[in-house]
Amino acid sequence: MSLTISDRSAGDFHVVELAGDIDIESARELRAHIVERISDSSSRVVVDLTDVAFMDSSGLGALVGGWQMTREDGEFRIAGASPVVQRVLSITGMEQVFQLYPTVADATSS
């Protein structure tokens, strides 16, 4: 399954909505998209993983890149990680690094 990327605003946050698989074929596009959004519009980003069925280490790398860009003067939040994605975050220790929220509404309201 390919990756679909869409954008919307939610208050002060830029929401990047993803659907499909984040793998080596789609991670480069995702990384470029996140970098562009952070550079152009907002240092407060929520990545919505609600409709992501699979994510490998290259997908994780794309998320880490976004987190690094916002670490000093922004916010990078992840919403809606499925159990499969949660497992990747847990195994790699990134669940301790990222701000994780069950929904986009939760991520943008706190």
C-alpha atoms as a PDB file:
ATOM      1  CA  MET A   1       0.000   0.000   0.000  1.00  0.00           C
ATOM      2  CA  SER A   2       1.353   3.423  -0.892  1.00  0.00           C
ATOM      3  CA  LEU A   3       1.472   6.406   1.440  1.00  0.00           C
ATOM      4  CA  THR A   4      -0.982   9.287   1.148  1.00  0.00           C
ATOM      5  CA  ILE A   5      -0.009  12.594   2.752  1.00  0.00           C
ATOM      6  CA  SER A   6      -2.415  15.460   3.401  1.00  0.00           C
ATOM      7  CA  ASP A   7      -2.297  18.618   5.481  1.00  0.00           C
ATOM      8  CA  ARG A   8      -4.602  20.730   7.567  1.00  0.00           C
ATOM      9  CA  SER A   9      -4.455  23.268  10.357  1.00  0.00           C
ATOM     10  CA  ALA A  10      -5.721  22.730  13.882  1.00  0.00           C
ATOM     11  CA  GLY A  11      -5.340  25.855  15.976  1.00  0.00           C
ATOM     12  CA  ASP A  12      -1.644  26.716  16.183  1.00  0.00           C
ATOM     13  CA  PHE A  13      -0.617  23.323  14.835  1.00  0.00           C
ATOM     14  CA  HIS A  14       0.063  22.083  11.348  1.00  0.00           C
ATOM     15  CA  VAL A  15      -1.328  18.543  11.066  1.00  0.00           C
ATOM     16  CA  VAL A  16       0.277  16.098   8.637  1.00  0.00           C
ATOM     17  CA  GLU A  17      -2.187  13.259   8.043  1.00  0.00           C
ATOM     18  CA  LEU A  18      -0.778   9.975   6.785  1.00  0.00           C
ATOM     19  CA  ALA A  19      -2.514   6.890   5.394  1.00  0.00           C
ATOM     20  CA  GLY A  20      -0.908   3.681   4.179  1.00  0.00           C
ATOM     21  CA  ASP A  21       2.561   2.275   4.753  1.00  0.00           C
ATOM     22  CA  ILE A  22       5.671   4.215   5.725  1.00  0.00           C
ATOM     23  CA  ASP A  23       8.564   2.238   4.320  1.00  0.00           C
ATOM     24  CA  ILE A  24      11.794   2.786   2.446  1.00  0.00           C
ATOM     25  CA  GLU A  25       9.869   3.746  -0.697  1.00  0.00           C
ATOM     26  CA  SER A  26       7.748   6.427   0.975  1.00  0.00           C
ATOM     27  CA  ALA A  27      10.002   7.656   3.797  1.00  0.00           C
ATOM     28  CA  ARG A  28      11.989  10.053   1.606  1.00  0.00           C
ATOM     29  CA  GLU A  29       8.787  11.749   0.425  1.00  0.00           C
ATOM     30  CA  LEU A  30       7.516  11.934   4.009  1.00  0.00           C
ATOM     31  CA  ARG A  31      10.771  13.420   5.288  1.00  0.00           C
ATOM     32  CA  ALA A  32      10.761  16.076   2.538  1.00  0.00           C
ATOM     33  CA  HIS A  33       7.120  16.897   3.252  1.00  0.00           C
ATOM     34  CA  ILE A  34       7.705  17.331   6.987  1.00  0.00           C
ATOM     35  CA  VAL A  35      10.818  19.461   6.419  1.00  0.00           C
ATOM     36  CA  GLU A  36       8.924  21.667   3.964  1.00  0.00           C
ATOM     37  CA  ARG A  37       6.008  22.170   6.351  1.00  0.00           C
ATOM     38  CA  ILE A  38       8.272  23.019   9.276  1.00  0.00           C
ATOM     39  CA  SER A  39      10.319  25.417   7.148  1.00  0.00           C
ATOM     40  CA  ASP A  40       7.357  27.108   5.465  1.00  0.00           C
ATOM     41  CA  SER A  41       4.547  27.282   7.936  1.00  0.00           C
ATOM     42  CA  SER A  42       4.908  26.019  11.437  1.00  0.00           C
ATOM     43  CA  SER A  43       7.250  24.799  14.102  1.00  0.00           C
ATOM     44  CA  ARG A  44       4.283  23.181  15.845  1.00  0.00           C
ATOM     45  CA  VAL A  45       3.534  19.949  14.020  1.00  0.00           C
ATOM     46  CA  VAL A  46       1.298  16.960  14.715  1.00  0.00           C
ATOM     47  CA  VAL A  47       1.829  13.856  12.609  1.00  0.00           C
ATOM     48  CA  ASP A  48      -1.393  11.837  12.486  1.00  0.00           C
ATOM     49  CA  LEU A  49      -0.591   8.121  12.186  1.00  0.00           C
ATOM     50  CA  THR A  50      -4.174   6.913  12.704  1.00  0.00           C
ATOM     51  CA  ASP A  51      -4.388   5.369   9.222  1.00  0.00           C
ATOM     52  CA  VAL A  52      -0.817   4.044   9.039  1.00  0.00           C
ATOM     53  CA  ALA A  53      -0.797   0.246   8.906  1.00  0.00           C
ATOM     54  CA  PHE A  54       2.974  -0.290   8.770  1.00  0.00           C
ATOM     55  CA  MET A  55       6.146   1.653   9.534  1.00  0.00           C
ATOM     56  CA  ASP A  56       9.746   0.459   9.230  1.00  0.00           C
ATOM     57  CA  SER A  57      12.994   2.038  10.404  1.00  0.00           C
ATOM     58  CA  SER A  58      13.149   4.392   7.427  1.00  0.00           C
ATOM     59  CA  GLY A  59       9.754   5.775   8.423  1.00  0.00           C
ATOM     60  CA  LEU A  60      11.003   6.190  11.955  1.00  0.00           C
ATOM     61  CA  GLY A  61      13.986   8.080  10.561  1.00  0.00           C
ATOM     62  CA  ALA A  62      11.658  10.513   8.784  1.00  0.00           C
ATOM     63  CA  LEU A  63       9.831  11.198  12.050  1.00  0.00           C
ATOM     64  CA  VAL A  64      13.091  11.636  13.964  1.00  0.00           C
ATOM     65  CA  GLY A  65      14.211  14.177  11.358  1.00  0.00           C
ATOM     66  CA  GLY A  66      11.080  16.252  11.969  1.00  0.00           C
ATOM     67  CA  TRP A  67      11.494  15.987  15.724  1.00  0.00           C
ATOM     68  CA  GLN A  68      15.107  17.179  15.480  1.00  0.00           C
ATOM     69  CA  MET A  69      14.082  20.237  13.449  1.00  0.00           C
ATOM     70  CA  THR A  70      11.551  21.351  16.075  1.00  0.00           C
ATOM     71  CA  ARG A  71      13.413  20.279  19.201  1.00  0.00           C
ATOM     72  CA  GLU A  72      14.776  23.702  20.167  1.00  0.00           C
ATOM     73  CA  ASP A  73      12.013  26.113  19.209  1.00  0.00           C
ATOM     74  CA  GLY A  74       8.943  24.122  18.288  1.00  0.00           C
ATOM     75  CA  GLU A  75       6.842  21.085  19.010  1.00  0.00           C
ATOM     76  CA  PHE A  76       6.613  17.765  17.221  1.00  0.00           C
ATOM     77  CA  ARG A  77       3.768  15.530  18.325  1.00  0.00           C
ATOM     78  CA  ILE A  78       2.529  12.165  17.144  1.00  0.00           C
ATOM     79  CA  ALA A  79      -1.128  11.188  17.284  1.00  0.00           C
ATOM     80  CA  GLY A  80      -3.028   7.973  16.707  1.00  0.00           C
ATOM     81  CA  ALA A  81      -0.176   5.476  16.536  1.00  0.00           C
ATOM     82  CA  SER A  82      -1.568   1.985  15.929  1.00  0.00           C
ATOM     83  CA  PRO A  83      -0.327  -0.985  17.972  1.00  0.00           C
ATOM     84  CA  VAL A  84       2.021  -1.907  15.103  1.00  0.00           C
ATOM     85  CA  VAL A  85       3.545   1.579  15.033  1.00  0.00           C
ATOM     86  CA  GLN A  86       3.579   1.746  18.846  1.00  0.00           C
ATOM     87  CA  ARG A  87       5.662  -1.428  18.817  1.00  0.00           C
ATOM     88  CA  VAL A  88       8.262   0.144  16.508  1.00  0.00           C
ATOM     89  CA  LEU A  89       8.414   3.187  18.780  1.00  0.00           C
ATOM     90  CA  SER A  90       8.719   0.994  21.863  1.00  0.00           C
ATOM     91  CA  ILE A  91      11.430  -1.302  20.486  1.00  0.00           C
ATOM     92  CA  THR A  92      13.540   1.679  19.445  1.00  0.00           C
ATOM     93  CA  GLY A  93      12.972   3.657  22.640  1.00  0.00           C
ATOM     94  CA  MET A  94      11.391   6.518  20.711  1.00  0.00           C
ATOM     95  CA  GLU A  95       8.177   6.360  22.724  1.00  0.00           C
ATOM     96  CA  GLN A  96      10.240   8.041  25.455  1.00  0.00           C
ATOM     97  CA  VAL A  97      11.376  10.780  23.054  1.00  0.00           C
ATOM     98  CA  PHE A  98       8.263  11.679  21.064  1.00  0.00           C
ATOM     99  CA  GLN A  99       5.207  13.346  22.551  1.00  0.00           C
ATOM    100  CA  LEU A 100       2.522  10.717  21.862  1.00  0.00           C
ATOM    101  CA  TYR A 101      -1.224  11.351  21.958  1.00  0.00           C
ATOM    102  CA  PRO A 102      -4.175   9.054  21.267  1.00  0.00           C
ATOM    103  CA  THR A 103      -5.860  11.521  18.888  1.00  0.00           C
ATOM    104  CA  VAL A 104      -5.126  14.702  16.961  1.00  0.00           C
ATOM    105  CA  ALA A 105      -7.642  16.519  19.171  1.00  0.00           C
ATOM    106  CA  ASP A 106      -5.659  15.501  22.250  1.00  0.00           C
ATOM    107  CA  ALA A 107      -2.378  16.521  20.614  1.00  0.00           C
ATOM    108  CA  THR A 108      -3.619  19.972  19.644  1.00  0.00           C
ATOM    109  CA  SER A 109      -5.456  20.799  22.857  1.00  0.00           C
ATOM    110  CA  SER A 110      -2.618  20.443  25.338  1.00  0.00           C
END
